Amino acid sequence: MQNTEQNAVLLRLAREYGDSVVRMCCVYLKDYHLAQDVAQETFLQAARKYGALARTDSEKAWLMRIAVNRCKNELRTQWFRRAQELPEPSGADPYPEADTHMALIRAIGRLPQKYRAAVLLYYYQDMTAAETAAVLGIREDAVYQRLRRARQQLKKELEEQ
């Protein structure tokens, strides 16, 4: 494929999936600015590994796998210290349902990494169990098991609040 065609495909991927990659990275890393950096690195790596795209069934799954791996690498670095909770919103929230949503987001952020990744991909990125399994490098039944355990932990934590 010519360089201009490759650029056009990568630009289309960035337009189509850029927001999804940033959102997934943001919840994974709990830092919006860092998530933007990692999302950019995701698309840079996608450009470098462009040939692998032709061998994949799902562009979205391919990008999300790169993003998840970039997030994992970021979490492994010594200088990165993960915040245990998202910051509390300042002031009164005019939307009461937003409090429930924020409580859920914070609870998801406290899940073990393997459960959090499955939840983010399956529920927030609307990926199938098969796509989630491909991104995480696990079997499909393991995805369902992680989702079930994550839901159990979330239910328990949210009921205690």
N, C-alpha and C. Protein backbone atom coordinates (compact mmCIF):
# COMPACT_ATOMS: atom_id res chain seq x y z
N MET A 1 0.85 -1.18 0.00
CA MET A 1 0.00 0.00 0.00
C MET A 1 0.89 1.24 0.00
N GLN A 2 0.51 2.22 -0.77
CA GLN A 2 1.30 3.44 -0.84
C GLN A 2 1.19 4.21 0.47
N ASN A 3 2.19 5.05 0.69
CA ASN A 3 2.23 5.83 1.92
C ASN A 3 1.00 6.72 2.07
N THR A 4 0.53 7.33 0.99
CA THR A 4 -0.65 8.20 1.10
C THR A 4 -1.90 7.38 1.44
N GLU A 5 -2.01 6.17 0.89
CA GLU A 5 -3.14 5.31 1.24
C GLU A 5 -3.06 4.89 2.70
N GLN A 6 -1.85 4.58 3.15
CA GLN A 6 -1.65 4.21 4.56
C GLN A 6 -2.04 5.37 5.46
N ASN A 7 -1.61 6.56 5.11
CA ASN A 7 -1.96 7.74 5.90
C ASN A 7 -3.47 7.94 5.95
N ALA A 8 -4.13 7.72 4.82
CA ALA A 8 -5.59 7.89 4.77
C ALA A 8 -6.28 6.88 5.68
N VAL A 9 -5.81 5.64 5.68
CA VAL A 9 -6.40 4.61 6.55
C VAL A 9 -6.16 4.96 8.01
N LEU A 10 -4.95 5.37 8.34
CA LEU A 10 -4.64 5.72 9.74
C LEU A 10 -5.44 6.94 10.19
N LEU A 11 -5.62 7.89 9.31
CA LEU A 11 -6.43 9.07 9.64
C LEU A 11 -7.89 8.66 9.88
N ARG A 12 -8.40 7.76 9.06
CA ARG A 12 -9.77 7.26 9.24
C ARG A 12 -9.90 6.53 10.58
N LEU A 13 -8.91 5.71 10.91
CA LEU A 13 -8.93 4.99 12.20
C LEU A 13 -8.92 5.97 13.37
N ALA A 14 -8.12 7.02 13.25
CA ALA A 14 -8.05 8.02 14.33
C ALA A 14 -9.38 8.74 14.48
N ARG A 15 -10.01 9.06 13.37
CA ARG A 15 -11.32 9.74 13.43
C ARG A 15 -12.38 8.81 14.00
N GLU A 16 -12.36 7.56 13.55
CA GLU A 16 -13.40 6.61 13.92
C GLU A 16 -13.26 6.12 15.36
N TYR A 17 -12.03 5.87 15.79
CA TYR A 17 -11.82 5.23 17.09
C TYR A 17 -11.04 6.07 18.09
N GLY A 18 -10.63 7.27 17.70
CA GLY A 18 -9.81 8.10 18.58
C GLY A 18 -10.45 8.37 19.93
N ASP A 19 -11.71 8.78 19.93
CA ASP A 19 -12.39 9.07 21.20
C ASP A 19 -12.52 7.82 22.06
N SER A 20 -12.81 6.69 21.43
CA SER A 20 -12.93 5.43 22.18
C SER A 20 -11.60 5.04 22.82
N VAL A 21 -10.52 5.22 22.09
CA VAL A 21 -9.20 4.89 22.62
C VAL A 21 -8.87 5.80 23.81
N VAL A 22 -9.13 7.08 23.67
CA VAL A 22 -8.85 8.02 24.77
C VAL A 22 -9.70 7.68 26.00
N ARG A 23 -10.99 7.42 25.79
CA ARG A 23 -11.87 7.08 26.93
C ARG A 23 -11.39 5.82 27.64
N MET A 24 -11.07 4.80 26.86
CA MET A 24 -10.62 3.55 27.46
C MET A 24 -9.33 3.78 28.24
N CYS A 25 -8.39 4.52 27.67
CA CYS A 25 -7.13 4.82 28.35
C CYS A 25 -7.37 5.66 29.61
N CYS A 26 -8.31 6.58 29.53
CA CYS A 26 -8.60 7.46 30.66
C CYS A 26 -9.11 6.66 31.86
N VAL A 27 -10.04 5.77 31.62
CA VAL A 27 -10.56 4.96 32.72
C VAL A 27 -9.49 3.98 33.20
N TYR A 28 -8.71 3.46 32.29
CA TYR A 28 -7.66 2.50 32.64
C TYR A 28 -6.57 3.16 33.48
N LEU A 29 -6.17 4.37 33.10
CA LEU A 29 -5.05 5.04 33.76
C LEU A 29 -5.48 6.03 34.83
N LYS A 30 -6.75 6.44 34.81
CA LYS A 30 -7.30 7.39 35.78
C LYS A 30 -6.66 8.77 35.69
N ASP A 31 -6.22 9.15 34.53
CA ASP A 31 -5.58 10.45 34.32
C ASP A 31 -5.83 10.86 32.87
N TYR A 32 -6.64 11.89 32.69
CA TYR A 32 -7.05 12.29 31.34
C TYR A 32 -5.87 12.70 30.47
N HIS A 33 -4.97 13.50 31.00
CA HIS A 33 -3.85 13.99 30.19
C HIS A 33 -2.90 12.86 29.83
N LEU A 34 -2.65 11.98 30.77
CA LEU A 34 -1.82 10.82 30.48
C LEU A 34 -2.51 9.91 29.46
N ALA A 35 -3.82 9.78 29.58
CA ALA A 35 -4.59 8.97 28.62
C ALA A 35 -4.46 9.52 27.21
N GLN A 36 -4.48 10.84 27.08
CA GLN A 36 -4.31 11.45 25.76
C GLN A 36 -2.93 11.11 25.19
N ASP A 37 -1.91 11.19 26.04
CA ASP A 37 -0.55 10.85 25.60
C ASP A 37 -0.48 9.39 25.14
N VAL A 38 -1.05 8.50 25.95
CA VAL A 38 -1.01 7.08 25.62
C VAL A 38 -1.83 6.80 24.35
N ALA A 39 -2.93 7.49 24.17
CA ALA A 39 -3.72 7.33 22.95
C ALA A 39 -2.90 7.75 21.73
N GLN A 40 -2.17 8.85 21.86
CA GLN A 40 -1.31 9.28 20.75
C GLN A 40 -0.24 8.23 20.47
N GLU A 41 0.35 7.69 21.53
CA GLU A 41 1.35 6.63 21.36
C GLU A 41 0.73 5.40 20.70
N THR A 42 -0.53 5.14 21.02
CA THR A 42 -1.24 4.01 20.41
C THR A 42 -1.30 4.18 18.90
N PHE A 43 -1.65 5.37 18.45
CA PHE A 43 -1.77 5.59 17.01
C PHE A 43 -0.39 5.66 16.34
N LEU A 44 0.62 6.12 17.06
CA LEU A 44 1.98 6.08 16.51
C LEU A 44 2.44 4.64 16.33
N GLN A 45 2.16 3.81 17.33
CA GLN A 45 2.52 2.40 17.23
C GLN A 45 1.71 1.72 16.12
N ALA A 46 0.45 2.10 15.99
CA ALA A 46 -0.38 1.55 14.91
C ALA A 46 0.23 1.89 13.55
N ALA A 47 0.77 3.09 13.42
CA ALA A 47 1.41 3.48 12.16
C ALA A 47 2.65 2.64 11.90
N ARG A 48 3.42 2.39 12.97
CA ARG A 48 4.64 1.58 12.82
C ARG A 48 4.31 0.12 12.50
N LYS A 49 3.23 -0.38 13.05
CA LYS A 49 2.84 -1.79 12.88
C LYS A 49 1.71 -1.93 11.86
N TYR A 50 1.64 -1.02 10.94
CA TYR A 50 0.52 -0.96 10.01
C TYR A 50 0.30 -2.28 9.25
N GLY A 51 1.36 -2.97 8.93
CA GLY A 51 1.25 -4.23 8.19
C GLY A 51 0.42 -5.27 8.92
N ALA A 52 0.41 -5.22 10.25
CA ALA A 52 -0.36 -6.20 11.03
C ALA A 52 -1.86 -5.98 10.89
N LEU A 53 -2.27 -4.78 10.52
CA LEU A 53 -3.70 -4.49 10.39
C LEU A 53 -4.35 -5.36 9.32
N ALA A 54 -3.63 -5.65 8.27
CA ALA A 54 -4.18 -6.47 7.18
C ALA A 54 -4.45 -7.90 7.64
N ARG A 55 -3.77 -8.34 8.70
CA ARG A 55 -3.91 -9.71 9.18
C ARG A 55 -4.91 -9.83 10.33
N THR A 56 -5.67 -8.79 10.58
CA THR A 56 -6.61 -8.82 11.70
C THR A 56 -8.05 -8.79 11.20
N ASP A 57 -8.95 -9.34 12.01
CA ASP A 57 -10.37 -9.35 11.65
C ASP A 57 -11.07 -8.05 12.03
N SER A 58 -10.60 -7.39 13.08
CA SER A 58 -11.29 -6.21 13.59
C SER A 58 -10.30 -5.08 13.84
N GLU A 59 -10.50 -3.98 13.14
CA GLU A 59 -9.64 -2.81 13.33
C GLU A 59 -9.73 -2.31 14.77
N LYS A 60 -10.95 -2.27 15.29
CA LYS A 60 -11.15 -1.76 16.64
C LYS A 60 -10.44 -2.64 17.66
N ALA A 61 -10.58 -3.94 17.54
CA ALA A 61 -9.91 -4.86 18.47
C ALA A 61 -8.39 -4.70 18.38
N TRP A 62 -7.88 -4.53 17.16
CA TRP A 62 -6.45 -4.35 16.96
C TRP A 62 -5.96 -3.08 17.66
N LEU A 63 -6.68 -1.97 17.47
CA LEU A 63 -6.30 -0.72 18.12
C LEU A 63 -6.42 -0.81 19.64
N MET A 64 -7.49 -1.42 20.12
CA MET A 64 -7.69 -1.53 21.57
C MET A 64 -6.62 -2.41 22.21
N ARG A 65 -6.18 -3.43 21.49
CA ARG A 65 -5.11 -4.28 22.03
C ARG A 65 -3.83 -3.45 22.18
N ILE A 66 -3.53 -2.65 21.17
CA ILE A 66 -2.36 -1.77 21.26
C ILE A 66 -2.53 -0.82 22.44
N ALA A 67 -3.72 -0.22 22.57
CA ALA A 67 -3.98 0.74 23.65
C ALA A 67 -3.86 0.08 25.02
N VAL A 68 -4.44 -1.10 25.18
CA VAL A 68 -4.35 -1.80 26.47
C VAL A 68 -2.89 -2.10 26.80
N ASN A 69 -2.14 -2.57 25.82
CA ASN A 69 -0.72 -2.85 26.07
C ASN A 69 0.05 -1.59 26.42
N ARG A 70 -0.27 -0.48 25.75
CA ARG A 70 0.39 0.80 26.08
C ARG A 70 0.04 1.22 27.50
N CYS A 71 -1.22 1.04 27.89
CA CYS A 71 -1.64 1.37 29.26
C CYS A 71 -0.90 0.50 30.27
N LYS A 72 -0.81 -0.79 29.99
CA LYS A 72 -0.09 -1.70 30.89
C LYS A 72 1.36 -1.28 31.03
N ASN A 73 1.98 -0.91 29.90
CA ASN A 73 3.37 -0.45 29.96
C ASN A 73 3.49 0.81 30.81
N GLU A 74 2.53 1.69 30.66
CA GLU A 74 2.54 2.93 31.44
C GLU A 74 2.42 2.63 32.93
N LEU A 75 1.55 1.69 33.27
CA LEU A 75 1.37 1.34 34.68
C LEU A 75 2.61 0.67 35.27
N ARG A 76 3.41 0.03 34.42
CA ARG A 76 4.61 -0.65 34.90
C ARG A 76 5.78 0.30 35.18
N THR A 77 5.74 1.48 34.59
CA THR A 77 6.87 2.38 34.77
C THR A 77 6.98 2.82 36.23
N GLN A 78 8.19 3.02 36.68
CA GLN A 78 8.42 3.35 38.09
C GLN A 78 7.90 4.73 38.47
N TRP A 79 7.96 5.67 37.57
CA TRP A 79 7.58 7.03 37.93
C TRP A 79 6.08 7.20 38.00
N PHE A 80 5.29 6.29 37.41
CA PHE A 80 3.84 6.45 37.41
C PHE A 80 3.27 5.90 38.71
N ARG A 81 2.59 6.75 39.44
CA ARG A 81 1.92 6.33 40.68
C ARG A 81 0.43 6.46 40.47
N ARG A 82 -0.19 5.35 40.48
CA ARG A 82 -1.63 5.33 40.24
C ARG A 82 -2.40 5.95 41.38
N ALA A 83 -3.36 6.79 41.06
CA ALA A 83 -4.29 7.31 42.06
C ALA A 83 -5.30 6.20 42.35
N GLN A 84 -5.67 6.02 43.59
CA GLN A 84 -6.61 4.96 43.94
C GLN A 84 -8.04 5.34 43.58
N GLU A 85 -8.33 6.63 43.53
CA GLU A 85 -9.68 7.04 43.18
C GLU A 85 -9.62 8.26 42.28
N LEU A 86 -10.64 8.40 41.49
CA LEU A 86 -10.77 9.61 40.70
C LEU A 86 -11.06 10.77 41.64
N PRO A 87 -10.63 11.97 41.32
CA PRO A 87 -10.92 13.10 42.20
C PRO A 87 -12.42 13.35 42.29
N GLU A 88 -12.86 13.77 43.46
CA GLU A 88 -14.27 14.10 43.66
C GLU A 88 -14.60 15.37 42.89
N PRO A 89 -15.74 15.41 42.26
CA PRO A 89 -16.12 16.64 41.56
C PRO A 89 -16.34 17.76 42.57
N SER A 90 -15.93 18.96 42.18
CA SER A 90 -16.10 20.09 43.09
C SER A 90 -17.49 20.68 42.92
N GLY A 91 -18.05 21.14 44.03
CA GLY A 91 -19.38 21.75 43.99
C GLY A 91 -20.48 20.73 43.91
N ALA A 92 -21.69 21.22 44.03
CA ALA A 92 -22.86 20.34 43.96
C ALA A 92 -23.13 19.97 42.51
N ASP A 93 -23.45 18.73 42.31
CA ASP A 93 -23.75 18.24 40.98
C ASP A 93 -25.23 18.46 40.69
N PRO A 94 -25.57 19.19 39.64
CA PRO A 94 -26.98 19.42 39.35
C PRO A 94 -27.69 18.18 38.82
N TYR A 95 -26.95 17.13 38.50
CA TYR A 95 -27.53 15.90 37.97
C TYR A 95 -27.30 14.77 38.95
N PRO A 96 -28.32 14.38 39.72
CA PRO A 96 -28.11 13.34 40.73
C PRO A 96 -27.64 12.02 40.15
N GLU A 97 -28.07 11.68 38.92
CA GLU A 97 -27.63 10.41 38.34
C GLU A 97 -26.13 10.42 38.05
N ALA A 98 -25.55 11.60 37.93
CA ALA A 98 -24.11 11.69 37.71
C ALA A 98 -23.35 11.18 38.92
N ASP A 99 -23.90 11.37 40.14
CA ASP A 99 -23.25 10.84 41.33
C ASP A 99 -23.15 9.33 41.27
N THR A 100 -24.23 8.69 40.85
CA THR A 100 -24.24 7.24 40.73
C THR A 100 -23.24 6.80 39.67
N HIS A 101 -23.23 7.52 38.55
CA HIS A 101 -22.29 7.18 37.48
C HIS A 101 -20.85 7.35 37.95
N MET A 102 -20.56 8.43 38.65
CA MET A 102 -19.20 8.64 39.15
C MET A 102 -18.82 7.57 40.17
N ALA A 103 -19.76 7.16 41.01
CA ALA A 103 -19.48 6.09 41.97
C ALA A 103 -19.14 4.81 41.23
N LEU A 104 -19.85 4.53 40.16
CA LEU A 104 -19.57 3.34 39.36
C LEU A 104 -18.19 3.45 38.70
N ILE A 105 -17.88 4.60 38.13
CA ILE A 105 -16.58 4.80 37.48
C ILE A 105 -15.45 4.62 38.50
N ARG A 106 -15.62 5.20 39.70
CA ARG A 106 -14.58 5.04 40.74
C ARG A 106 -14.45 3.58 41.15
N ALA A 107 -15.58 2.89 41.27
CA ALA A 107 -15.54 1.47 41.64
C ALA A 107 -14.86 0.64 40.55
N ILE A 108 -15.13 0.94 39.30
CA ILE A 108 -14.46 0.24 38.20
C ILE A 108 -12.96 0.51 38.27
N GLY A 109 -12.58 1.74 38.59
CA GLY A 109 -11.17 2.08 38.71
C GLY A 109 -10.46 1.33 39.81
N ARG A 110 -11.20 0.85 40.81
CA ARG A 110 -10.60 0.10 41.92
C ARG A 110 -10.58 -1.41 41.67
N LEU A 111 -11.20 -1.86 40.60
CA LEU A 111 -11.16 -3.29 40.28
C LEU A 111 -9.73 -3.72 39.98
N PRO A 112 -9.41 -4.98 40.21
CA PRO A 112 -8.11 -5.48 39.76
C PRO A 112 -7.98 -5.27 38.25
N GLN A 113 -6.77 -5.06 37.80
CA GLN A 113 -6.51 -4.68 36.41
C GLN A 113 -7.15 -5.64 35.41
N LYS A 114 -7.08 -6.95 35.66
CA LYS A 114 -7.61 -7.89 34.67
C LYS A 114 -9.14 -7.79 34.56
N TYR A 115 -9.82 -7.49 35.66
CA TYR A 115 -11.27 -7.31 35.61
C TYR A 115 -11.63 -5.97 34.99
N ARG A 116 -10.87 -4.94 35.35
CA ARG A 116 -11.13 -3.60 34.84
C ARG A 116 -10.99 -3.57 33.31
N ALA A 117 -9.96 -4.21 32.79
CA ALA A 117 -9.75 -4.22 31.34
C ALA A 117 -10.92 -4.91 30.63
N ALA A 118 -11.38 -6.02 31.17
CA ALA A 118 -12.51 -6.73 30.56
C ALA A 118 -13.77 -5.87 30.57
N VAL A 119 -14.04 -5.21 31.69
CA VAL A 119 -15.22 -4.35 31.81
C VAL A 119 -15.14 -3.19 30.82
N LEU A 120 -14.00 -2.54 30.75
CA LEU A 120 -13.85 -1.39 29.86
C LEU A 120 -14.06 -1.76 28.41
N LEU A 121 -13.46 -2.86 28.00
CA LEU A 121 -13.58 -3.25 26.60
C LEU A 121 -14.99 -3.74 26.26
N TYR A 122 -15.55 -4.56 27.12
CA TYR A 122 -16.84 -5.18 26.82
C TYR A 122 -17.99 -4.18 26.94
N TYR A 123 -18.03 -3.45 28.05
CA TYR A 123 -19.17 -2.56 28.29
C TYR A 123 -18.98 -1.15 27.74
N TYR A 124 -17.78 -0.61 27.86
CA TYR A 124 -17.58 0.78 27.46
C TYR A 124 -17.13 0.93 26.01
N GLN A 125 -16.51 -0.10 25.47
CA GLN A 125 -16.11 -0.05 24.06
C GLN A 125 -17.03 -0.89 23.18
N ASP A 126 -18.06 -1.48 23.79
CA ASP A 126 -19.05 -2.28 23.06
C ASP A 126 -18.41 -3.37 22.20
N MET A 127 -17.37 -3.98 22.73
CA MET A 127 -16.74 -5.08 22.01
C MET A 127 -17.43 -6.38 22.39
N THR A 128 -17.40 -7.33 21.49
CA THR A 128 -17.95 -8.64 21.79
C THR A 128 -17.00 -9.38 22.72
N ALA A 129 -17.47 -10.47 23.28
CA ALA A 129 -16.59 -11.28 24.14
C ALA A 129 -15.41 -11.82 23.34
N ALA A 130 -15.66 -12.19 22.09
CA ALA A 130 -14.58 -12.70 21.25
C ALA A 130 -13.54 -11.61 20.98
N GLU A 131 -14.00 -10.39 20.69
CA GLU A 131 -13.06 -9.28 20.45
C GLU A 131 -12.30 -8.95 21.73
N THR A 132 -13.00 -8.93 22.86
CA THR A 132 -12.35 -8.66 24.14
C THR A 132 -11.29 -9.72 24.43
N ALA A 133 -11.63 -10.97 24.16
CA ALA A 133 -10.67 -12.06 24.37
C ALA A 133 -9.44 -11.87 23.49
N ALA A 134 -9.65 -11.47 22.25
CA ALA A 134 -8.53 -11.25 21.33
C ALA A 134 -7.64 -10.11 21.82
N VAL A 135 -8.25 -9.04 22.30
CA VAL A 135 -7.48 -7.89 22.79
C VAL A 135 -6.65 -8.28 24.01
N LEU A 136 -7.27 -9.03 24.92
CA LEU A 136 -6.59 -9.37 26.18
C LEU A 136 -5.72 -10.62 26.07
N GLY A 137 -5.84 -11.34 24.97
CA GLY A 137 -5.05 -12.55 24.79
C GLY A 137 -5.49 -13.69 25.69
N ILE A 138 -6.80 -13.80 25.92
CA ILE A 138 -7.35 -14.86 26.76
C ILE A 138 -8.48 -15.55 26.00
N ARG A 139 -9.00 -16.64 26.57
CA ARG A 139 -10.12 -17.35 25.95
C ARG A 139 -11.43 -16.59 26.21
N GLU A 140 -12.41 -16.85 25.37
CA GLU A 140 -13.70 -16.18 25.50
C GLU A 140 -14.38 -16.51 26.82
N ASP A 141 -14.28 -17.77 27.27
CA ASP A 141 -14.90 -18.13 28.54
C ASP A 141 -14.24 -17.41 29.71
N ALA A 142 -12.95 -17.10 29.58
CA ALA A 142 -12.26 -16.34 30.62
C ALA A 142 -12.79 -14.90 30.68
N VAL A 143 -13.17 -14.36 29.54
CA VAL A 143 -13.76 -13.01 29.51
C VAL A 143 -15.05 -13.02 30.31
N TYR A 144 -15.92 -14.00 30.04
CA TYR A 144 -17.19 -14.08 30.77
C TYR A 144 -16.96 -14.26 32.27
N GLN A 145 -15.96 -15.04 32.63
CA GLN A 145 -15.66 -15.25 34.05
C GLN A 145 -15.18 -13.94 34.70
N ARG A 146 -14.31 -13.21 34.02
CA ARG A 146 -13.83 -11.94 34.56
C ARG A 146 -14.97 -10.92 34.68
N LEU A 147 -15.84 -10.90 33.70
CA LEU A 147 -16.98 -9.97 33.75
C LEU A 147 -17.91 -10.32 34.91
N ARG A 148 -18.16 -11.60 35.12
CA ARG A 148 -19.02 -12.03 36.21
C ARG A 148 -18.41 -11.64 37.55
N ARG A 149 -17.13 -11.91 37.72
CA ARG A 149 -16.46 -11.56 38.99
C ARG A 149 -16.41 -10.05 39.19
N ALA A 150 -16.19 -9.31 38.12
CA ALA A 150 -16.18 -7.84 38.21
C ALA A 150 -17.55 -7.33 38.64
N ARG A 151 -18.61 -7.87 38.04
CA ARG A 151 -19.97 -7.44 38.42
C ARG A 151 -20.25 -7.76 39.88
N GLN A 152 -19.79 -8.92 40.35
CA GLN A 152 -20.00 -9.28 41.76
C GLN A 152 -19.29 -8.28 42.67
N GLN A 153 -18.04 -7.94 42.34
CA GLN A 153 -17.30 -6.99 43.16
C GLN A 153 -17.94 -5.61 43.12
N LEU A 154 -18.37 -5.18 41.94
CA LEU A 154 -19.00 -3.87 41.81
C LEU A 154 -20.31 -3.81 42.59
N LYS A 155 -21.11 -4.85 42.49
CA LYS A 155 -22.38 -4.89 43.21
C LYS A 155 -22.14 -4.79 44.71
N LYS A 156 -21.19 -5.57 45.20
CA LYS A 156 -20.89 -5.56 46.64
C LYS A 156 -20.42 -4.17 47.08
N GLU A 157 -19.51 -3.59 46.33
CA GLU A 157 -18.97 -2.28 46.70
C GLU A 157 -20.03 -1.19 46.64
N LEU A 158 -20.85 -1.19 45.61
CA LEU A 158 -21.87 -0.15 45.47
C LEU A 158 -22.99 -0.30 46.49
N GLU A 159 -23.28 -1.52 46.90
CA GLU A 159 -24.29 -1.73 47.94
C GLU A 159 -23.81 -1.24 49.30
N GLU A 160 -22.50 -1.27 49.52
CA GLU A 160 -21.93 -0.83 50.80
C GLU A 160 -21.92 0.68 50.93
N GLN A 161 -22.10 1.39 49.84
CA GLN A 161 -22.04 2.86 49.88
C GLN A 161 -23.34 3.45 50.34
